[in-house]
Amino acid sequence: MIPTELSVTSAMAWSSSPRYPAGHDFQVEGFDEPLSVYERRVVLTGKLKVPEGLAGKSLELELAMRYQACNDKTCSRPLTIKLPATLRVASKGEVTHPVNATVFGE
């Protein structure tokens, strides 16, 4: 069984450990112990640490999520979804405005 894993790669930044919400137990035929799973929608979060030299510039990065889909009888092979992104880094002292606070909180 492959656990869900979120990673971020960039030549200029690194990320802290992602935060994974608690899953719930799910019994798969043939396994003695239940698996901890997510169903439907799940939000994984984390923080990026960006070098000060990138202030006011753009940052190229790639998010990758590895996961394995299962039902009550079997599990599919693990898959990885990759999402390239370009983020604008705020300048020091620049006023920013939060977005998607209902998803990401503070």
C-alpha atoms as a PDB file:
ATOM      1  CA  MET A   1       0.000   0.000   0.000  1.00  0.00           C
ATOM      2  CA  ILE A   2       1.298   3.431  -0.981  1.00  0.00           C
ATOM      3  CA  PRO A   3       0.425   6.376   1.278  1.00  0.00           C
ATOM      4  CA  THR A   4      -0.621   9.704  -0.251  1.00  0.00           C
ATOM      5  CA  GLU A   5       2.414  11.965  -0.590  1.00  0.00           C
ATOM      6  CA  LEU A   6       2.680  15.620  -1.641  1.00  0.00           C
ATOM      7  CA  SER A   7       6.035  17.063  -2.706  1.00  0.00           C
ATOM      8  CA  VAL A   8       7.263  20.377  -4.115  1.00  0.00           C
ATOM      9  CA  THR A   9      10.356  20.786  -6.259  1.00  0.00           C
ATOM     10  CA  SER A  10      12.027  23.998  -7.363  1.00  0.00           C
ATOM     11  CA  ALA A  11      15.553  25.131  -8.092  1.00  0.00           C
ATOM     12  CA  MET A  12      15.020  28.189  -5.866  1.00  0.00           C
ATOM     13  CA  ALA A  13      12.781  27.160  -2.951  1.00  0.00           C
ATOM     14  CA  TRP A  14      12.132  24.344  -0.553  1.00  0.00           C
ATOM     15  CA  SER A  15       9.027  23.403   1.358  1.00  0.00           C
ATOM     16  CA  SER A  16       8.250  22.444   4.889  1.00  0.00           C
ATOM     17  CA  SER A  17       6.594  19.113   5.527  1.00  0.00           C
ATOM     18  CA  PRO A  18       3.095  19.019   4.078  1.00  0.00           C
ATOM     19  CA  ARG A  19       0.191  18.730   6.504  1.00  0.00           C
ATOM     20  CA  TYR A  20      -2.048  15.752   5.932  1.00  0.00           C
ATOM     21  CA  PRO A  21      -5.549  15.625   7.410  1.00  0.00           C
ATOM     22  CA  ALA A  22      -6.584  12.536   9.340  1.00  0.00           C
ATOM     23  CA  GLY A  23      -7.969   9.767   7.165  1.00  0.00           C
ATOM     24  CA  HIS A  24     -10.541   7.203   8.262  1.00  0.00           C
ATOM     25  CA  ASP A  25     -10.327   3.429   8.532  1.00  0.00           C
ATOM     26  CA  PHE A  26     -11.408   1.392   5.510  1.00  0.00           C
ATOM     27  CA  GLN A  27     -11.397  -2.401   5.320  1.00  0.00           C
ATOM     28  CA  VAL A  28      -9.988  -3.989   2.141  1.00  0.00           C
ATOM     29  CA  GLU A  29     -10.725  -7.661   1.465  1.00  0.00           C
ATOM     30  CA  GLY A  30      -7.706  -9.826   2.290  1.00  0.00           C
ATOM     31  CA  PHE A  31      -6.099  -7.365   4.732  1.00  0.00           C
ATOM     32  CA  ASP A  32      -6.175  -8.006   8.478  1.00  0.00           C
ATOM     33  CA  GLU A  33      -5.907  -4.331   9.415  1.00  0.00           C
ATOM     34  CA  PRO A  34      -7.986  -1.493   7.943  1.00  0.00           C
ATOM     35  CA  LEU A  35      -6.273   1.123   5.765  1.00  0.00           C
ATOM     36  CA  SER A  36      -6.358   4.832   6.634  1.00  0.00           C
ATOM     37  CA  VAL A  37      -7.936   6.481   3.576  1.00  0.00           C
ATOM     38  CA  TYR A  38      -9.334   9.714   2.153  1.00  0.00           C
ATOM     39  CA  GLU A  39     -12.597   9.741   0.231  1.00  0.00           C
ATOM     40  CA  ARG A  40     -13.986  12.298  -2.181  1.00  0.00           C
ATOM     41  CA  ARG A  41     -12.253  15.657  -1.588  1.00  0.00           C
ATOM     42  CA  VAL A  42      -9.169  16.207   0.562  1.00  0.00           C
ATOM     43  CA  VAL A  43      -7.055  19.349   1.027  1.00  0.00           C
ATOM     44  CA  LEU A  44      -3.323  18.966   1.643  1.00  0.00           C
ATOM     45  CA  THR A  45      -1.447  22.083   2.763  1.00  0.00           C
ATOM     46  CA  GLY A  46       2.097  23.202   3.509  1.00  0.00           C
ATOM     47  CA  LYS A  47       4.322  26.268   3.524  1.00  0.00           C
ATOM     48  CA  LEU A  48       7.020  27.280   1.066  1.00  0.00           C
ATOM     49  CA  LYS A  49      10.177  28.936   2.309  1.00  0.00           C
ATOM     50  CA  VAL A  50      11.510  31.279  -0.359  1.00  0.00           C
ATOM     51  CA  PRO A  51      14.973  32.916  -0.366  1.00  0.00           C
ATOM     52  CA  GLU A  52      14.832  36.700   0.198  1.00  0.00           C
ATOM     53  CA  GLY A  53      16.585  37.245  -3.143  1.00  0.00           C
ATOM     54  CA  LEU A  54      13.379  36.229  -4.956  1.00  0.00           C
ATOM     55  CA  ALA A  55      11.342  39.129  -3.516  1.00  0.00           C
ATOM     56  CA  GLY A  56       9.389  40.794  -6.328  1.00  0.00           C
ATOM     57  CA  LYS A  57      10.230  37.987  -8.782  1.00  0.00           C
ATOM     58  CA  SER A  58       8.532  34.817  -9.987  1.00  0.00           C
ATOM     59  CA  LEU A  59       9.204  31.322  -8.707  1.00  0.00           C
ATOM     60  CA  GLU A  60       8.862  28.233 -10.913  1.00  0.00           C
ATOM     61  CA  LEU A  61       7.933  25.041  -9.074  1.00  0.00           C
ATOM     62  CA  GLU A  62       6.237  21.696  -9.508  1.00  0.00           C
ATOM     63  CA  LEU A  63       3.741  20.114  -7.137  1.00  0.00           C
ATOM     64  CA  ALA A  64       3.519  16.319  -7.277  1.00  0.00           C
ATOM     65  CA  MET A  65       0.954  14.150  -5.514  1.00  0.00           C
ATOM     66  CA  ARG A  66       1.467  10.402  -5.375  1.00  0.00           C
ATOM     67  CA  TYR A  67      -1.549   8.312  -4.383  1.00  0.00           C
ATOM     68  CA  GLN A  68      -3.120   4.897  -4.731  1.00  0.00           C
ATOM     69  CA  ALA A  69      -6.839   4.400  -5.320  1.00  0.00           C
ATOM     70  CA  CYS A  70      -8.539   1.428  -3.625  1.00  0.00           C
ATOM     71  CA  ASN A  71     -11.989  -0.069  -3.282  1.00  0.00           C
ATOM     72  CA  ASP A  72     -13.148  -2.765  -0.836  1.00  0.00           C
ATOM     73  CA  LYS A  73     -11.591  -5.563  -2.944  1.00  0.00           C
ATOM     74  CA  THR A  74      -8.409  -4.256  -4.572  1.00  0.00           C
ATOM     75  CA  CYS A  75      -6.028  -1.322  -5.025  1.00  0.00           C
ATOM     76  CA  SER A  76      -4.945   0.227  -8.332  1.00  0.00           C
ATOM     77  CA  ARG A  77      -1.306   0.852  -9.152  1.00  0.00           C
ATOM     78  CA  PRO A  78       0.098   4.052  -7.594  1.00  0.00           C
ATOM     79  CA  LEU A  79      -0.155   7.211  -9.705  1.00  0.00           C
ATOM     80  CA  THR A  80       1.616  10.569  -9.558  1.00  0.00           C
ATOM     81  CA  ILE A  81      -0.071  13.775 -10.710  1.00  0.00           C
ATOM     82  CA  LYS A  82       2.286  16.689 -11.444  1.00  0.00           C
ATOM     83  CA  LEU A  83       1.275  20.353 -11.603  1.00  0.00           C
ATOM     84  CA  PRO A  84       3.777  22.979 -12.757  1.00  0.00           C
ATOM     85  CA  ALA A  85       3.208  26.456 -11.345  1.00  0.00           C
ATOM     86  CA  THR A  86       4.634  29.963 -11.449  1.00  0.00           C
ATOM     87  CA  LEU A  87       4.200  32.004  -8.266  1.00  0.00           C
ATOM     88  CA  ARG A  88       4.863  35.709  -7.891  1.00  0.00           C
ATOM     89  CA  VAL A  89       6.829  36.397  -4.703  1.00  0.00           C
ATOM     90  CA  ALA A  90       5.828  39.561  -2.832  1.00  0.00           C
ATOM     91  CA  SER A  91       8.444  42.265  -2.284  1.00  0.00           C
ATOM     92  CA  LYS A  92       9.509  42.943   1.292  1.00  0.00           C
ATOM     93  CA  GLY A  93       6.889  45.171   2.929  1.00  0.00           C
ATOM     94  CA  GLU A  94       4.373  44.678   0.101  1.00  0.00           C
ATOM     95  CA  VAL A  95       0.787  44.419   1.293  1.00  0.00           C
ATOM     96  CA  THR A  96      -0.733  41.069   0.366  1.00  0.00           C
ATOM     97  CA  HIS A  97      -4.310  39.851   0.503  1.00  0.00           C
ATOM     98  CA  PRO A  98      -5.276  36.302   1.515  1.00  0.00           C
ATOM     99  CA  VAL A  99      -7.224  34.221  -0.995  1.00  0.00           C
ATOM    100  CA  ASN A 100      -9.253  31.043  -0.488  1.00  0.00           C
ATOM    101  CA  ALA A 101      -9.326  31.507   3.297  1.00  0.00           C
ATOM    102  CA  THR A 102     -12.138  28.950   3.580  1.00  0.00           C
ATOM    103  CA  VAL A 103      -9.755  26.311   2.213  1.00  0.00           C
ATOM    104  CA  PHE A 104      -6.423  27.387   3.645  1.00  0.00           C
ATOM    105  CA  GLY A 105      -7.367  29.179   6.870  1.00  0.00           C
ATOM    106  CA  GLU A 106      -4.926  31.858   7.940  1.00  0.00           C
END
